[in-house]
Amino acid sequence: MSVKTDVTFSGRDEYNRKKTADGILKLLASDNLGISRLLINGDWGEGKTEFCHKLLNHFGDGYHLVYVDAFVADSIDNSLLTLTSKIAKLLPEGRTRNLFMKKAIPGLKVGAKTLGKAGVSWLFKQNAEDINDDYEKELQKGAEKLSDLAVEAILKEQVEAEKSIEALKSALKLLTGDGKQLIICIDEFDRCRPPYAISMLETVKHFFDADKVNFIFCANKEVLEQSIKHHYGVDNAGRYLDKFIDFTVELPRTPYNYSGSDFEYNRASVSHLVSELKKYKLNDVSAKFQLSGQRPTFFLEMLERVPTFTLRDAETFARNIAIYGEISGIDWQDESQSCMVILGIMAYTFYKTDFENLEKDEYSQQLIMKHFISYGSNSELKRDLGFRSFIFTSLDLGKKPMTSGVVDKISIEDHMLIAKVSGINFGMEDSDKDDLKNLSKQFSQAYKLMLNLA
């Protein structure tokens, strides 16, 4: 894949990430800092790939730009070949490109370690299949001679390796000799197999440590550290990663400077959810996830409870809401019903493991309090005579089995009273207890519709 020239900050920058891109440009342009390997850290689904393309386009024509999808390149299983071939494409076909490849090819032959019969074959310049199965005996006979040969061969290999690395660096000068920096962005790095990811890091450090050559890795740092830990068995993988990365930049999660709960309510992923819902023409639903003045809506508070809510999660959640609307034909303006339904879709989207029995209408008060609304006691619930308490009692009314919890089970009469005192009017009379029971079932029914589309 090449750089997507149509993906730019000028085309769309609703999360205000251009400021981060400006900082990266200054960082890599500084001769004083000497930063050549940069990591952009972000969770899966936080928009790293789009940011990569926008960033490279932001560099402009004054740079040589390369984009590498490491996950796709993983299938080739040769990180040096991947990088060299990508760089070669920047050169026009003809003499210059041929000269670059001539200088680079020796480096491509370096680094492969041979074991077993293949190693013996290399030492004796024979084909591995020509060595019989009892070659171990032959090794014992000439152990001293073989040892000398091995040491000599290794020393020669080391000399050739150093020559090849220098040849590759010399080849890079063919490209950067015009004064332009070479910027290589390696995306999807955290999705590679651990051995390939480590190979890529080591290749970049040892083969491409040259003037005017800069690397930008886009990855989830935590996943990358797990790959290192798995591959090398080291406990402090972060310190090992620091050997290869000069500086780490966190991908911004909010468009502006916020703190505390305001940070959560203004996350880029929340803004993305609103825009995705509007894309599906669900304006009534999108309003439920926007600040009302300075106060968060009920559903913004629910989103704050989601452990990780990324841009990709926002797209999935919006699509699930649209799917439900398409199948059920729900009137999203019905405040009480839409609220219970959206909570059911949240349970399906984010908490399916915890609500695995919701298909059977079975869930506990503890799960309600864990993922949606918490009360420490009955008195706390009764003091909160508002929308939250109404929804809580609705969920509590509909659960099976009738498990005990921190808050005692509330009767339908109390439930109706809470609705009246809080000023909530859903068109239900005191005698319409069946309506209230049906409302309480909307939570599990929404979950089941998403599960079975029926």
Protein backbone atom coordinates (compact mmCIF):
# COMPACT_ATOMS: atom_id res chain seq x y z
CA MET A 1 0.00 0.00 0.00
CA SER A 2 1.18 3.51 -0.81
CA VAL A 3 0.48 6.79 0.95
CA LYS A 4 -3.17 7.77 0.47
CA THR A 5 -2.75 11.26 -0.91
CA ASP A 6 -6.43 12.13 -0.44
CA VAL A 7 -6.35 11.55 3.34
CA THR A 8 -5.25 14.88 4.80
CA PHE A 9 -5.80 17.09 7.83
CA SER A 10 -7.26 19.77 5.58
CA GLY A 11 -9.88 17.29 4.44
CA ARG A 12 -10.85 16.31 8.00
CA ASP A 13 -9.36 16.97 11.41
CA GLU A 14 -12.30 16.83 13.79
CA TYR A 15 -10.04 15.52 16.57
CA ASN A 16 -7.49 18.33 16.24
CA ARG A 17 -4.58 15.94 15.66
CA LYS A 18 -2.80 18.26 13.23
CA LYS A 19 -1.10 19.87 16.26
CA THR A 20 0.49 16.52 17.09
CA ALA A 21 1.62 16.17 13.46
CA ASP A 22 3.21 19.64 13.64
CA GLY A 23 5.12 18.55 16.74
CA ILE A 24 6.36 15.40 15.03
CA LEU A 25 7.63 17.41 12.07
CA LYS A 26 9.60 19.68 14.38
CA LEU A 27 10.97 16.70 16.28
CA LEU A 28 12.28 14.87 13.21
CA ALA A 29 13.59 18.05 11.59
CA SER A 30 15.80 18.88 14.58
CA ASP A 31 19.49 18.06 14.08
CA ASN A 32 20.11 18.88 17.72
CA LEU A 33 17.77 16.19 19.12
CA GLY A 34 18.92 13.36 16.85
CA ILE A 35 15.61 11.48 16.95
CA SER A 36 15.38 8.99 14.09
CA ARG A 37 12.99 6.31 15.43
CA LEU A 38 9.62 7.48 16.74
CA LEU A 39 6.70 5.46 18.11
CA ILE A 40 3.11 6.71 17.87
CA ASN A 41 1.24 4.87 20.58
CA GLY A 42 -2.50 4.32 20.50
CA ASP A 43 -5.04 1.63 21.31
CA TRP A 44 -6.46 -0.58 18.59
CA GLY A 45 -9.22 1.31 16.84
CA GLU A 46 -7.98 4.79 17.82
CA GLY A 47 -7.42 5.87 14.20
CA LYS A 48 -3.66 5.26 13.94
CA THR A 49 -3.75 4.24 10.27
CA GLU A 50 -5.69 7.34 9.19
CA PHE A 51 -3.32 9.47 11.25
CA CYS A 52 -0.33 7.82 9.50
CA HIS A 53 -1.57 8.82 6.05
CA LYS A 54 -2.49 12.34 7.19
CA LEU A 55 0.92 12.72 8.84
CA LEU A 56 2.86 11.62 5.75
CA ASN A 57 0.84 13.97 3.55
CA HIS A 58 1.50 16.71 6.11
CA PHE A 59 5.26 16.31 5.53
CA GLY A 60 4.74 17.44 1.95
CA ASP A 61 7.00 17.36 -1.11
CA GLY A 62 10.14 18.28 0.82
CA TYR A 63 10.55 14.67 1.99
CA HIS A 64 10.88 11.18 0.57
CA LEU A 65 7.89 9.30 2.00
CA VAL A 66 7.32 5.56 2.42
CA TYR A 67 4.30 3.80 3.93
CA VAL A 68 4.61 0.16 5.02
CA ASP A 69 1.72 -2.02 6.19
CA ALA A 70 3.72 -4.34 8.45
CA PHE A 71 0.82 -6.77 8.89
CA VAL A 72 0.66 -7.37 5.13
CA ALA A 73 4.46 -7.49 4.84
CA ASP A 74 4.58 -10.11 7.61
CA SER A 75 3.66 -12.76 5.02
CA ILE A 76 6.94 -12.13 3.17
CA ASP A 77 8.86 -12.78 6.41
CA ASN A 78 11.87 -10.67 5.41
CA SER A 79 11.77 -7.22 6.96
CA LEU A 80 14.95 -6.05 5.25
CA LEU A 81 13.66 -7.06 1.81
CA THR A 82 10.34 -5.34 2.53
CA LEU A 83 11.95 -2.04 3.47
CA THR A 84 14.54 -2.07 0.70
CA SER A 85 11.99 -2.79 -2.02
CA LYS A 86 9.69 -0.01 -0.74
CA ILE A 87 12.55 2.50 -0.73
CA ALA A 88 13.69 1.41 -4.21
CA LYS A 89 10.27 2.37 -5.61
CA LEU A 90 11.00 6.00 -4.74
CA LEU A 91 13.77 6.04 -7.32
CA PRO A 92 12.95 6.39 -11.02
CA GLU A 93 13.46 3.29 -13.10
CA GLY A 94 16.84 3.20 -14.76
CA ARG A 95 20.46 3.70 -13.79
CA THR A 96 19.89 5.20 -10.33
CA ARG A 97 17.50 2.50 -9.19
CA ASN A 98 19.76 -0.23 -10.57
CA LEU A 99 22.72 1.28 -8.73
CA PHE A 100 20.70 1.40 -5.51
CA MET A 101 19.74 -2.28 -5.82
CA LYS A 102 23.34 -3.25 -6.65
CA LYS A 103 24.53 -1.61 -3.44
CA ALA A 104 21.61 -2.93 -1.36
CA ILE A 105 21.62 -6.59 -2.47
CA PRO A 106 24.66 -7.66 -0.39
CA GLY A 107 22.87 -6.46 2.73
CA LEU A 108 19.87 -8.65 1.92
CA LYS A 109 22.08 -11.72 2.17
CA VAL A 110 23.24 -10.92 5.70
CA GLY A 111 21.71 -12.00 8.95
CA ALA A 112 20.33 -15.44 8.17
CA LYS A 113 21.41 -17.95 10.76
CA THR A 114 21.69 -21.60 9.75
CA LEU A 115 21.25 -24.53 12.08
CA GLY A 116 21.46 -28.32 11.98
CA LYS A 117 22.24 -29.86 8.63
CA ALA A 118 21.90 -26.54 6.89
CA GLY A 119 24.72 -25.18 9.08
CA VAL A 120 26.99 -28.07 8.32
CA SER A 121 26.20 -27.71 4.63
CA TRP A 122 27.20 -24.06 4.74
CA LEU A 123 30.52 -24.86 6.38
CA PHE A 124 31.44 -27.52 3.87
CA LYS A 125 29.89 -25.79 0.84
CA GLN A 126 27.67 -28.78 0.29
CA ASN A 127 23.95 -29.22 -0.18
CA ALA A 128 22.13 -30.24 3.00
CA GLU A 129 20.49 -33.23 1.30
CA ASP A 130 23.94 -34.65 0.44
CA ILE A 131 24.84 -35.09 4.10
CA ASN A 132 23.83 -38.47 5.47
CA ASP A 133 21.92 -39.02 8.68
CA ASP A 134 24.95 -39.96 10.76
CA TYR A 135 26.76 -36.66 10.08
CA GLU A 136 27.16 -36.23 13.86
CA LYS A 137 29.84 -38.94 13.84
CA GLU A 138 31.76 -37.13 11.15
CA LEU A 139 31.60 -33.97 13.23
CA GLN A 140 33.17 -35.76 16.20
CA LYS A 141 36.07 -37.04 14.06
CA GLY A 142 37.09 -33.63 12.89
CA ALA A 143 35.84 -31.53 15.77
CA GLU A 144 38.98 -29.44 16.09
CA LYS A 145 39.24 -28.82 12.37
CA LEU A 146 35.56 -28.04 12.14
CA SER A 147 35.84 -25.64 15.06
CA ASP A 148 38.60 -23.75 13.30
CA LEU A 149 36.58 -23.65 10.11
CA ALA A 150 33.51 -22.42 11.97
CA VAL A 151 35.38 -19.61 13.75
CA GLU A 152 37.03 -18.55 10.52
CA ALA A 153 33.71 -18.63 8.68
CA ILE A 154 31.98 -16.60 11.39
CA LEU A 155 34.71 -13.98 11.33
CA LYS A 156 34.44 -13.75 7.56
CA GLU A 157 30.67 -13.49 7.84
CA GLN A 158 31.04 -10.66 10.35
CA VAL A 159 33.38 -8.75 8.04
CA GLU A 160 31.04 -9.29 5.10
CA ALA A 161 28.07 -8.23 7.22
CA GLU A 162 29.74 -4.97 8.14
CA LYS A 163 30.63 -4.36 4.49
CA SER A 164 27.05 -5.12 3.43
CA ILE A 165 25.55 -2.79 6.04
CA GLU A 166 27.83 -0.01 4.89
CA ALA A 167 26.91 -0.76 1.28
CA LEU A 168 23.22 -0.43 2.14
CA LYS A 169 23.83 2.87 3.94
CA SER A 170 25.75 4.04 0.92
CA ALA A 171 22.76 3.10 -1.22
CA LEU A 172 20.49 5.20 0.97
CA LYS A 173 22.67 8.22 0.25
CA LEU A 174 21.64 7.91 -3.40
CA LEU A 175 18.17 8.85 -2.22
CA THR A 176 18.93 11.39 0.53
CA GLY A 177 21.76 13.04 -1.39
CA ASP A 178 19.30 15.66 -2.62
CA GLY A 179 19.00 16.95 0.95
CA LYS A 180 15.53 15.52 1.55
CA GLN A 181 14.87 13.36 4.61
CA LEU A 182 13.58 9.84 4.10
CA ILE A 183 10.50 9.24 6.28
CA ILE A 184 9.39 5.60 6.57
CA CYS A 185 6.11 5.00 8.40
CA ILE A 186 5.56 1.41 9.56
CA ASP A 187 1.87 0.90 10.35
CA GLU A 188 -0.07 -2.05 11.86
CA PHE A 189 3.14 -2.97 13.64
CA ASP A 190 1.38 -4.41 16.68
CA ARG A 191 -0.60 -6.89 14.57
CA CYS A 192 2.51 -8.77 13.34
CA ARG A 193 3.80 -12.05 14.67
CA PRO A 194 6.22 -11.35 17.55
CA PRO A 195 9.30 -12.74 15.69
CA TYR A 196 8.61 -10.53 12.67
CA ALA A 197 8.01 -7.44 14.80
CA ILE A 198 11.32 -7.99 16.61
CA SER A 199 13.08 -8.63 13.29
CA MET A 200 11.73 -5.34 11.94
CA LEU A 201 12.97 -3.40 14.98
CA GLU A 202 16.43 -4.95 14.78
CA THR A 203 16.63 -4.41 11.00
CA VAL A 204 15.75 -0.74 11.35
CA LYS A 205 18.29 -0.19 14.11
CA HIS A 206 21.22 -2.04 12.55
CA PHE A 207 20.74 -1.51 8.81
CA PHE A 208 19.08 1.90 8.56
CA ASP A 209 20.89 3.92 11.19
CA ALA A 210 21.88 6.60 8.67
CA ASP A 211 21.70 10.37 8.29
CA LYS A 212 18.39 11.77 7.07
CA VAL A 213 16.62 8.40 7.51
CA ASN A 214 13.72 8.48 9.97
CA PHE A 215 11.26 5.81 11.03
CA ILE A 216 7.78 6.25 12.49
CA PHE A 217 6.20 3.16 14.03
CA CYS A 218 2.45 3.16 14.67
CA ALA A 219 1.47 0.58 17.27
CA ASN A 220 -0.12 -0.19 20.59
CA LYS A 221 2.96 -0.02 22.80
CA GLU A 222 1.55 -2.43 25.36
CA VAL A 223 0.98 -5.10 22.69
CA LEU A 224 4.45 -4.47 21.30
CA GLU A 225 5.99 -4.96 24.74
CA GLN A 226 4.08 -8.23 25.09
CA SER A 227 5.61 -9.38 21.79
CA ILE A 228 9.09 -8.61 23.13
CA LYS A 229 8.35 -10.37 26.40
CA HIS A 230 7.05 -13.41 24.53
CA HIS A 231 10.00 -13.53 22.12
CA TYR A 232 12.85 -12.90 24.55
CA GLY A 233 11.32 -13.88 27.88
CA VAL A 234 12.36 -10.58 29.47
CA ASP A 235 10.34 -9.09 32.32
CA ASN A 236 11.03 -5.43 31.63
CA ALA A 237 10.08 -5.32 27.96
CA GLY A 238 9.69 -1.53 28.09
CA ARG A 239 13.38 -1.01 28.76
CA TYR A 240 14.26 -3.38 25.92
CA LEU A 241 11.98 -1.47 23.55
CA ASP A 242 13.70 1.77 24.54
CA LYS A 243 16.85 0.43 22.82
CA PHE A 244 15.05 0.73 19.49
CA ILE A 245 12.76 3.73 20.00
CA ASP A 246 14.08 7.24 20.61
CA PHE A 247 10.79 8.85 21.60
CA THR A 248 7.12 7.88 22.05
CA VAL A 249 4.16 10.11 21.18
CA GLU A 250 0.67 9.36 22.51
CA LEU A 251 -2.09 9.70 19.93
CA PRO A 252 -4.48 12.39 21.28
CA ARG A 253 -7.79 11.03 22.52
CA THR A 254 -9.59 14.38 22.81
CA PRO A 255 -9.69 17.30 20.37
CA TYR A 256 -8.90 19.87 23.07
CA ASN A 257 -7.35 20.08 26.52
CA TYR A 258 -9.71 18.57 29.06
CA SER A 259 -9.26 16.97 32.46
CA GLY A 260 -11.20 14.67 34.75
CA SER A 261 -14.65 13.59 33.60
CA ASP A 262 -14.65 16.34 30.95
CA PHE A 263 -11.86 14.41 29.27
CA GLU A 264 -14.13 11.36 28.95
CA TYR A 265 -17.14 13.33 27.73
CA ASN A 266 -15.06 15.00 25.01
CA ARG A 267 -13.09 12.00 23.80
CA ALA A 268 -12.51 11.83 20.06
CA SER A 269 -14.31 8.48 20.06
CA VAL A 270 -17.46 10.07 21.56
CA SER A 271 -17.46 12.76 18.87
CA HIS A 272 -16.97 10.01 16.30
CA LEU A 273 -19.97 8.13 17.69
CA VAL A 274 -22.15 11.22 17.28
CA SER A 275 -21.01 11.72 13.67
CA GLU A 276 -21.53 8.02 12.89
CA LEU A 277 -25.07 8.07 14.30
CA LYS A 278 -25.85 11.14 12.19
CA LYS A 279 -24.48 9.29 9.17
CA TYR A 280 -27.19 6.67 9.79
CA LYS A 281 -29.73 9.53 10.14
CA LEU A 282 -30.17 8.76 13.84
CA ASN A 283 -30.17 12.36 15.02
CA ASP A 284 -32.51 11.65 17.93
CA VAL A 285 -30.09 9.00 19.21
CA SER A 286 -26.98 11.12 18.63
CA ALA A 287 -28.43 13.84 20.88
CA LYS A 288 -28.33 11.36 23.78
CA PHE A 289 -24.52 11.32 23.56
CA GLN A 290 -23.91 15.07 23.52
CA LEU A 291 -23.36 17.44 26.39
CA SER A 292 -26.44 19.37 27.46
CA GLY A 293 -24.83 22.67 28.35
CA GLN A 294 -22.09 21.66 30.77
CA ARG A 295 -23.96 18.61 32.05
CA PRO A 296 -23.32 15.13 30.66
CA THR A 297 -26.32 13.21 29.45
CA PHE A 298 -27.30 9.89 30.97
CA PHE A 299 -25.66 8.00 28.13
CA LEU A 300 -22.43 9.96 28.25
CA GLU A 301 -22.14 8.72 31.83
CA MET A 302 -22.79 5.18 30.56
CA LEU A 303 -20.01 5.51 27.97
CA GLU A 304 -17.58 6.63 30.65
CA ARG A 305 -18.01 3.18 32.21
CA VAL A 306 -16.91 1.37 29.02
CA PRO A 307 -13.31 0.20 29.75
CA THR A 308 -12.01 1.10 26.29
CA PHE A 309 -14.10 3.10 23.85
CA THR A 310 -12.09 3.64 20.68
CA LEU A 311 -12.99 5.10 17.30
CA ARG A 312 -13.58 1.57 16.04
CA ASP A 313 -15.79 0.83 19.05
CA ALA A 314 -17.77 3.97 18.22
CA GLU A 315 -18.32 2.74 14.67
CA THR A 316 -19.40 -0.71 15.89
CA PHE A 317 -21.78 0.71 18.49
CA ALA A 318 -23.37 3.15 16.02
CA ARG A 319 -23.78 0.39 13.45
CA ASN A 320 -25.40 -1.91 16.03
CA ILE A 321 -27.89 0.81 16.97
CA ALA A 322 -28.65 1.33 13.26
CA ILE A 323 -29.10 -2.43 12.78
CA TYR A 324 -31.58 -2.60 15.65
CA GLY A 325 -33.52 0.34 14.25
CA GLU A 326 -33.65 -1.22 10.80
CA ILE A 327 -34.92 -4.59 12.10
CA SER A 328 -37.30 -3.38 14.81
CA GLY A 329 -38.66 -0.13 13.40
CA ILE A 330 -38.40 1.48 16.85
CA ASP A 331 -39.49 5.07 17.44
CA TRP A 332 -36.33 6.57 18.90
CA GLN A 333 -38.28 9.56 20.17
CA ASP A 334 -39.95 7.32 22.76
CA GLU A 335 -37.60 8.29 25.58
CA SER A 336 -38.21 5.39 27.96
CA GLN A 337 -38.21 2.62 25.36
CA SER A 338 -35.20 3.96 23.44
CA CYS A 339 -33.25 4.24 26.69
CA MET A 340 -33.84 0.61 27.66
CA VAL A 341 -33.08 -0.54 24.11
CA ILE A 342 -29.79 1.35 23.90
CA LEU A 343 -28.70 -0.18 27.22
CA GLY A 344 -29.51 -3.62 25.77
CA ILE A 345 -27.38 -2.82 22.70
CA MET A 346 -24.57 -1.63 25.00
CA ALA A 347 -24.74 -4.94 26.87
CA TYR A 348 -24.48 -6.79 23.54
CA THR A 349 -21.67 -4.59 22.17
CA PHE A 350 -19.42 -4.16 25.21
CA TYR A 351 -20.39 -6.62 27.95
CA LYS A 352 -21.48 -9.78 26.14
CA THR A 353 -19.37 -12.03 28.37
CA ASP A 354 -20.92 -10.68 31.58
CA PHE A 355 -24.44 -10.75 30.17
CA GLU A 356 -24.18 -14.21 28.62
CA ASN A 357 -27.47 -15.25 30.31
CA LEU A 358 -29.38 -12.17 29.19
CA GLU A 359 -30.73 -14.23 26.30
CA LYS A 360 -32.69 -16.12 29.00
CA ASP A 361 -33.72 -12.84 30.72
CA GLU A 362 -31.32 -13.65 33.53
CA TYR A 363 -29.05 -10.98 34.98
CA SER A 364 -28.25 -9.64 38.41
CA GLN A 365 -28.50 -6.31 40.15
CA GLN A 366 -24.73 -6.49 40.58
CA LEU A 367 -24.30 -6.41 36.78
CA ILE A 368 -26.60 -3.41 36.48
CA MET A 369 -24.53 -1.58 39.07
CA LYS A 370 -21.22 -2.68 37.57
CA HIS A 371 -21.90 -1.50 34.02
CA PHE A 372 -24.70 1.05 34.19
CA ILE A 373 -25.97 2.65 37.41
CA SER A 374 -24.66 2.29 40.96
CA TYR A 375 -26.39 2.87 44.29
CA GLY A 376 -24.85 2.12 47.66
CA SER A 377 -28.12 1.74 49.58
CA ASN A 378 -31.91 2.05 49.43
CA SER A 379 -31.80 5.51 50.94
CA GLU A 380 -29.37 6.69 48.24
CA LEU A 381 -31.75 5.39 45.56
CA LYS A 382 -34.79 7.07 47.13
CA ARG A 383 -32.96 10.39 47.36
CA ASP A 384 -32.22 10.23 43.63
CA LEU A 385 -35.74 10.74 42.31
CA GLY A 386 -34.75 11.32 38.72
CA PHE A 387 -34.18 9.65 35.35
CA ARG A 388 -31.28 7.51 36.60
CA SER A 389 -33.36 5.99 39.40
CA PHE A 390 -36.26 5.37 37.03
CA ILE A 391 -34.04 3.46 34.61
CA PHE A 392 -32.36 1.59 37.45
CA THR A 393 -35.66 0.42 38.88
CA SER A 394 -36.86 -0.53 35.39
CA LEU A 395 -33.79 -2.71 34.87
CA ASP A 396 -34.12 -4.13 38.38
CA LEU A 397 -37.78 -4.95 37.78
CA GLY A 398 -37.04 -6.94 34.65
CA LYS A 399 -34.24 -9.14 35.92
CA LYS A 400 -34.53 -12.89 36.48
CA PRO A 401 -33.87 -14.64 38.73
CA MET A 402 -34.85 -12.22 41.47
CA THR A 403 -31.40 -12.14 43.01
CA SER A 404 -30.68 -10.05 46.05
CA GLY A 405 -28.43 -7.02 45.79
CA VAL A 406 -27.18 -3.95 47.57
CA VAL A 407 -30.54 -2.28 46.95
CA ASP A 408 -33.74 -4.15 47.84
CA LYS A 409 -36.12 -5.13 45.08
CA ILE A 410 -38.48 -2.22 44.38
CA SER A 411 -42.19 -2.86 43.95
CA ILE A 412 -44.06 -1.71 40.88
CA GLU A 413 -45.95 0.77 43.05
CA ASP A 414 -42.68 2.31 44.27
CA HIS A 415 -41.42 2.30 40.72
CA MET A 416 -44.46 4.26 39.52
CA LEU A 417 -44.08 6.67 42.44
CA ILE A 418 -40.45 7.38 41.53
CA ALA A 419 -41.52 8.14 37.98
CA LYS A 420 -44.21 10.56 39.16
CA VAL A 421 -42.07 12.34 41.74
CA SER A 422 -39.23 12.79 39.24
CA GLY A 423 -41.64 14.35 36.77
CA ILE A 424 -41.29 11.59 34.20
CA ASN A 425 -44.49 11.13 32.22
CA PHE A 426 -44.54 8.24 29.83
CA GLY A 427 -48.31 8.22 29.36
CA MET A 428 -48.85 5.42 31.85
CA GLU A 429 -51.62 5.49 34.43
CA ASP A 430 -51.28 3.95 37.89
CA SER A 431 -53.24 0.93 36.71
CA ASP A 432 -51.03 0.35 33.66
CA LYS A 433 -48.60 -1.87 35.50
CA ASP A 434 -48.37 -4.16 32.48
CA ASP A 435 -46.95 -1.28 30.47
CA LEU A 436 -44.25 -0.88 33.05
CA LYS A 437 -43.47 -4.59 33.01
CA ASN A 438 -43.25 -4.52 29.22
CA LEU A 439 -40.90 -1.56 29.41
CA SER A 440 -38.61 -3.45 31.77
CA LYS A 441 -38.40 -6.29 29.22
CA GLN A 442 -37.11 -4.00 26.46
CA PHE A 443 -33.56 -4.34 27.82
CA SER A 444 -33.27 -8.10 27.32
CA GLN A 445 -35.37 -8.07 24.15
CA ALA A 446 -32.98 -5.60 22.52
CA TYR A 447 -30.06 -7.84 23.44
CA LYS A 448 -31.79 -10.90 21.99
CA LEU A 449 -32.70 -9.14 18.75
CA MET A 450 -29.04 -8.19 18.24
CA LEU A 451 -28.05 -11.78 18.99
CA ASN A 452 -30.52 -13.51 16.67
CA LEU A 453 -31.99 -10.72 14.50
CA ALA A 454 -35.41 -12.01 15.58
